[in-house]
């Protein structure tokens, strides 16, 4: 999987990856107690099937971990990624869990 550059767009409250002139993104909400809610992931149809969705989720999770935030995965795509990659479940916020 190619590693695309993740950008934090604080104005739009989302993580972005630009690929071939298209922008894939994950919207987030960061609470005062450092819980980051990932609310919606969107990958343009033109980029479908290229692993862009997984790449942006993994990079967003790395960002959360590096900043000592915890994760509230409200987005179904993010939750599904966590089921497939259970090692990331260690950063889940209290009261959140994911299962198949």
N, C-alpha and C. Protein backbone atom coordinates (compact mmCIF):
# COMPACT_ATOMS: atom_id res chain seq x y z
N UNK A 1 0.85 -1.19 0.00
CA UNK A 1 0.00 0.00 0.00
C UNK A 1 0.89 1.24 0.00
N UNK A 2 0.59 2.14 -0.92
CA UNK A 2 1.34 3.39 -0.97
C UNK A 2 1.05 4.21 0.28
N UNK A 3 2.03 5.00 0.68
CA UNK A 3 1.83 5.85 1.84
C UNK A 3 1.62 7.29 1.36
N UNK A 4 0.39 7.71 1.38
CA UNK A 4 0.04 9.05 0.93
C UNK A 4 0.17 10.02 2.09
N UNK A 5 0.46 11.27 1.78
CA UNK A 5 0.69 12.25 2.84
C UNK A 5 -0.62 12.72 3.47
N UNK A 6 -0.71 12.51 4.77
CA UNK A 6 -1.89 12.93 5.52
C UNK A 6 -1.75 14.39 5.91
N UNK A 7 -2.82 15.16 5.67
CA UNK A 7 -2.85 16.56 6.08
C UNK A 7 -3.98 16.75 7.07
N UNK A 8 -3.72 17.55 8.09
CA UNK A 8 -4.76 17.88 9.06
C UNK A 8 -5.36 19.22 8.64
N UNK A 9 -6.62 19.21 8.24
CA UNK A 9 -7.31 20.44 7.85
C UNK A 9 -8.17 20.86 9.04
N UNK A 10 -7.59 21.73 9.89
CA UNK A 10 -8.29 22.12 11.12
C UNK A 10 -9.51 22.99 10.83
N UNK A 11 -9.49 23.76 9.74
CA UNK A 11 -10.64 24.59 9.39
C UNK A 11 -11.87 23.73 9.10
N UNK A 12 -11.66 22.65 8.36
CA UNK A 12 -12.77 21.76 8.00
C UNK A 12 -12.93 20.61 8.98
N UNK A 13 -12.05 20.53 9.98
CA UNK A 13 -12.08 19.47 11.00
C UNK A 13 -12.05 18.09 10.32
N UNK A 14 -10.99 17.89 9.52
CA UNK A 14 -10.85 16.59 8.88
C UNK A 14 -9.39 16.31 8.51
N UNK A 15 -9.08 15.01 8.41
CA UNK A 15 -7.81 14.55 7.87
C UNK A 15 -8.02 14.39 6.37
N UNK A 16 -7.01 14.74 5.59
CA UNK A 16 -7.15 14.65 4.14
C UNK A 16 -5.93 14.00 3.51
N UNK A 17 -6.16 13.28 2.43
CA UNK A 17 -5.10 12.77 1.56
C UNK A 17 -5.50 13.17 0.15
N UNK A 18 -4.59 13.82 -0.55
CA UNK A 18 -4.86 14.17 -1.94
C UNK A 18 -4.14 13.18 -2.84
N UNK A 19 -4.90 12.58 -3.75
CA UNK A 19 -4.36 11.60 -4.69
C UNK A 19 -4.95 11.89 -6.07
N UNK A 20 -4.07 12.04 -7.03
CA UNK A 20 -4.50 12.24 -8.43
C UNK A 20 -5.56 13.33 -8.56
N UNK A 21 -5.38 14.41 -7.81
CA UNK A 21 -6.30 15.54 -7.90
C UNK A 21 -7.61 15.37 -7.14
N UNK A 22 -7.77 14.25 -6.43
CA UNK A 22 -8.97 14.00 -5.64
C UNK A 22 -8.60 14.01 -4.16
N UNK A 23 -9.56 14.37 -3.31
CA UNK A 23 -9.29 14.39 -1.88
C UNK A 23 -10.17 13.37 -1.16
N UNK A 24 -9.50 12.47 -0.46
CA UNK A 24 -10.18 11.54 0.45
C UNK A 24 -10.06 12.14 1.84
N UNK A 25 -11.06 11.93 2.69
CA UNK A 25 -10.99 12.55 4.02
C UNK A 25 -11.73 11.76 5.08
N UNK A 26 -11.34 12.05 6.32
CA UNK A 26 -12.05 11.56 7.51
C UNK A 26 -12.37 12.78 8.36
N UNK A 27 -13.63 12.98 8.65
CA UNK A 27 -14.04 14.09 9.51
C UNK A 27 -13.89 13.67 10.97
N UNK A 28 -13.54 14.65 11.80
CA UNK A 28 -13.33 14.34 13.22
C UNK A 28 -13.91 15.43 14.11
N UNK A 29 -14.09 15.06 15.37
CA UNK A 29 -14.44 16.00 16.44
C UNK A 29 -13.48 15.69 17.57
N UNK A 30 -12.79 16.70 18.07
CA UNK A 30 -11.87 16.51 19.19
C UNK A 30 -12.47 17.17 20.42
N UNK A 31 -12.67 16.39 21.48
CA UNK A 31 -13.29 16.92 22.69
C UNK A 31 -12.22 17.53 23.61
N UNK A 32 -12.68 18.24 24.61
CA UNK A 32 -11.76 18.87 25.58
C UNK A 32 -10.98 17.85 26.39
N UNK A 33 -11.50 16.62 26.49
CA UNK A 33 -10.77 15.60 27.23
C UNK A 33 -10.00 14.66 26.29
N UNK A 34 -9.62 15.19 25.12
CA UNK A 34 -8.75 14.50 24.15
C UNK A 34 -9.30 13.18 23.61
N UNK A 35 -10.60 13.13 23.44
CA UNK A 35 -11.21 12.01 22.72
C UNK A 35 -11.45 12.50 21.30
N UNK A 36 -10.92 11.75 20.33
CA UNK A 36 -11.15 12.12 18.94
C UNK A 36 -12.19 11.18 18.35
N UNK A 37 -13.32 11.78 17.97
CA UNK A 37 -14.39 11.05 17.31
C UNK A 37 -14.12 11.10 15.81
N UNK A 38 -13.97 9.95 15.18
CA UNK A 38 -13.88 9.89 13.72
C UNK A 38 -15.30 9.60 13.24
N UNK A 39 -15.89 10.58 12.55
CA UNK A 39 -17.32 10.53 12.28
C UNK A 39 -17.70 10.09 10.87
N UNK A 40 -16.84 10.35 9.89
CA UNK A 40 -17.22 10.06 8.51
C UNK A 40 -15.97 9.95 7.64
N UNK A 41 -15.89 8.90 6.86
CA UNK A 41 -14.79 8.71 5.91
C UNK A 41 -15.37 8.77 4.50
N UNK A 42 -14.67 9.49 3.63
CA UNK A 42 -15.14 9.57 2.25
C UNK A 42 -13.96 9.45 1.30
N UNK A 43 -14.06 8.51 0.37
CA UNK A 43 -13.06 8.32 -0.68
C UNK A 43 -13.77 8.50 -2.01
N UNK A 44 -13.32 9.44 -2.85
CA UNK A 44 -13.97 9.63 -4.15
C UNK A 44 -13.97 8.34 -4.97
N UNK A 45 -15.04 8.14 -5.74
CA UNK A 45 -15.18 6.92 -6.55
C UNK A 45 -13.95 6.68 -7.43
N UNK A 46 -13.37 7.75 -7.94
CA UNK A 46 -12.19 7.62 -8.83
C UNK A 46 -11.01 6.96 -8.13
N UNK A 47 -11.01 7.00 -6.78
CA UNK A 47 -9.91 6.42 -6.02
C UNK A 47 -10.25 5.07 -5.40
N UNK A 48 -11.45 4.60 -5.65
CA UNK A 48 -11.90 3.36 -5.05
C UNK A 48 -11.02 2.17 -5.42
N UNK A 49 -10.86 1.25 -4.49
CA UNK A 49 -10.11 0.03 -4.74
C UNK A 49 -8.60 0.18 -4.72
N UNK A 50 -8.11 1.33 -4.31
CA UNK A 50 -6.66 1.58 -4.32
C UNK A 50 -6.05 1.57 -2.92
N UNK A 51 -6.86 1.23 -1.91
CA UNK A 51 -6.35 1.20 -0.54
C UNK A 51 -6.27 2.56 0.11
N UNK A 52 -6.88 3.57 -0.51
CA UNK A 52 -6.82 4.93 0.03
C UNK A 52 -7.56 5.01 1.36
N UNK A 53 -8.73 4.38 1.44
CA UNK A 53 -9.51 4.41 2.69
C UNK A 53 -8.73 3.83 3.85
N UNK A 54 -8.12 2.67 3.63
CA UNK A 54 -7.33 2.04 4.70
C UNK A 54 -6.12 2.89 5.06
N UNK A 55 -5.50 3.49 4.06
CA UNK A 55 -4.32 4.33 4.30
C UNK A 55 -4.67 5.54 5.17
N UNK A 56 -5.77 6.19 4.84
CA UNK A 56 -6.13 7.39 5.61
C UNK A 56 -6.55 7.01 7.03
N UNK A 57 -7.24 5.89 7.20
CA UNK A 57 -7.62 5.45 8.54
C UNK A 57 -6.37 5.14 9.36
N UNK A 58 -5.45 4.38 8.79
CA UNK A 58 -4.24 4.02 9.53
C UNK A 58 -3.44 5.26 9.93
N UNK A 59 -3.32 6.22 9.02
CA UNK A 59 -2.57 7.43 9.35
C UNK A 59 -3.29 8.28 10.39
N UNK A 60 -4.61 8.33 10.33
CA UNK A 60 -5.37 9.06 11.35
C UNK A 60 -5.19 8.41 12.71
N UNK A 61 -5.19 7.07 12.74
CA UNK A 61 -4.99 6.35 14.00
C UNK A 61 -3.59 6.61 14.56
N UNK A 62 -2.60 6.66 13.68
CA UNK A 62 -1.24 7.01 14.11
C UNK A 62 -1.20 8.41 14.71
N UNK A 63 -1.91 9.35 14.09
CA UNK A 63 -1.97 10.72 14.60
C UNK A 63 -2.58 10.73 16.00
N UNK A 64 -3.68 10.00 16.17
CA UNK A 64 -4.35 9.94 17.46
C UNK A 64 -3.41 9.37 18.52
N UNK A 65 -2.73 8.29 18.18
CA UNK A 65 -1.81 7.64 19.12
C UNK A 65 -0.65 8.57 19.48
N UNK A 66 -0.06 9.22 18.46
CA UNK A 66 1.09 10.11 18.70
C UNK A 66 0.74 11.30 19.58
N UNK A 67 -0.52 11.73 19.54
CA UNK A 67 -0.96 12.88 20.34
C UNK A 67 -1.58 12.46 21.67
N UNK A 68 -1.50 11.17 21.98
CA UNK A 68 -2.07 10.64 23.23
C UNK A 68 -3.56 10.93 23.37
N UNK A 69 -4.26 10.91 22.24
CA UNK A 69 -5.71 11.02 22.26
C UNK A 69 -6.26 9.59 22.35
N UNK A 70 -7.55 9.50 22.64
CA UNK A 70 -8.22 8.22 22.52
C UNK A 70 -9.27 8.33 21.43
N UNK A 71 -9.70 7.19 20.93
CA UNK A 71 -10.54 7.14 19.73
C UNK A 71 -11.96 6.72 20.04
N UNK A 72 -12.90 7.45 19.45
CA UNK A 72 -14.30 7.06 19.44
C UNK A 72 -14.68 6.85 17.97
N UNK A 73 -14.73 5.58 17.52
CA UNK A 73 -14.94 5.30 16.10
C UNK A 73 -16.42 5.31 15.70
N UNK A 74 -16.96 6.47 15.41
CA UNK A 74 -18.37 6.55 15.04
C UNK A 74 -18.59 6.16 13.58
N UNK A 75 -17.57 6.29 12.77
CA UNK A 75 -17.66 5.95 11.35
C UNK A 75 -17.61 4.42 11.18
N UNK A 76 -18.58 3.84 10.46
CA UNK A 76 -18.59 2.39 10.26
C UNK A 76 -17.33 1.86 9.56
N UNK A 77 -16.77 2.64 8.64
CA UNK A 77 -15.55 2.21 7.94
C UNK A 77 -14.38 2.10 8.92
N UNK A 78 -14.27 3.08 9.82
CA UNK A 78 -13.20 3.06 10.83
C UNK A 78 -13.40 1.88 11.78
N UNK A 79 -14.64 1.66 12.22
CA UNK A 79 -14.93 0.54 13.12
C UNK A 79 -14.57 -0.79 12.46
N UNK A 80 -14.90 -0.94 11.18
CA UNK A 80 -14.58 -2.16 10.44
C UNK A 80 -13.06 -2.35 10.35
N UNK A 81 -12.33 -1.25 10.15
CA UNK A 81 -10.87 -1.31 10.09
C UNK A 81 -10.32 -1.82 11.43
N UNK A 82 -10.89 -1.37 12.53
CA UNK A 82 -10.44 -1.80 13.85
C UNK A 82 -10.72 -3.29 14.10
N UNK A 83 -11.81 -3.79 13.55
CA UNK A 83 -12.11 -5.22 13.68
C UNK A 83 -11.04 -6.02 12.95
N UNK A 84 -10.67 -5.55 11.75
CA UNK A 84 -9.66 -6.25 10.95
C UNK A 84 -8.24 -6.06 11.49
N UNK A 85 -8.03 -4.98 12.24
CA UNK A 85 -6.70 -4.65 12.78
C UNK A 85 -6.81 -4.43 14.28
N UNK A 86 -7.04 -5.50 15.05
CA UNK A 86 -7.35 -5.37 16.48
C UNK A 86 -6.24 -4.73 17.32
N UNK A 87 -5.02 -4.69 16.80
CA UNK A 87 -3.94 -4.05 17.55
C UNK A 87 -4.24 -2.57 17.82
N UNK A 88 -5.08 -1.96 16.99
CA UNK A 88 -5.42 -0.54 17.20
C UNK A 88 -6.46 -0.34 18.30
N UNK A 89 -7.09 -1.39 18.75
CA UNK A 89 -8.15 -1.25 19.74
C UNK A 89 -7.64 -0.74 21.09
N UNK A 90 -6.32 -0.74 21.26
CA UNK A 90 -5.74 -0.23 22.51
C UNK A 90 -5.94 1.28 22.66
N UNK A 91 -6.23 2.00 21.57
CA UNK A 91 -6.42 3.46 21.68
C UNK A 91 -7.89 3.85 21.79
N UNK A 92 -8.77 2.87 21.91
CA UNK A 92 -10.20 3.19 22.03
C UNK A 92 -10.49 3.95 23.31
N UNK A 93 -11.37 4.92 23.20
CA UNK A 93 -11.81 5.69 24.37
C UNK A 93 -12.61 4.78 25.30
N UNK A 94 -12.63 5.13 26.56
CA UNK A 94 -13.37 4.36 27.56
C UNK A 94 -14.84 4.24 27.15
N UNK A 95 -15.34 3.02 27.22
CA UNK A 95 -16.74 2.79 26.88
C UNK A 95 -16.98 2.42 25.42
N UNK A 96 -15.92 2.45 24.61
CA UNK A 96 -16.07 2.09 23.20
C UNK A 96 -15.42 0.76 22.93
N UNK A 97 -16.08 -0.04 22.11
CA UNK A 97 -15.47 -1.27 21.64
C UNK A 97 -16.01 -1.58 20.26
N UNK A 98 -15.29 -2.41 19.55
CA UNK A 98 -15.74 -2.82 18.22
C UNK A 98 -15.73 -4.34 18.16
N UNK A 99 -16.67 -4.88 17.42
CA UNK A 99 -16.71 -6.33 17.24
C UNK A 99 -17.29 -6.62 15.87
N UNK A 100 -17.15 -7.86 15.46
CA UNK A 100 -17.61 -8.25 14.11
C UNK A 100 -19.11 -8.17 14.01
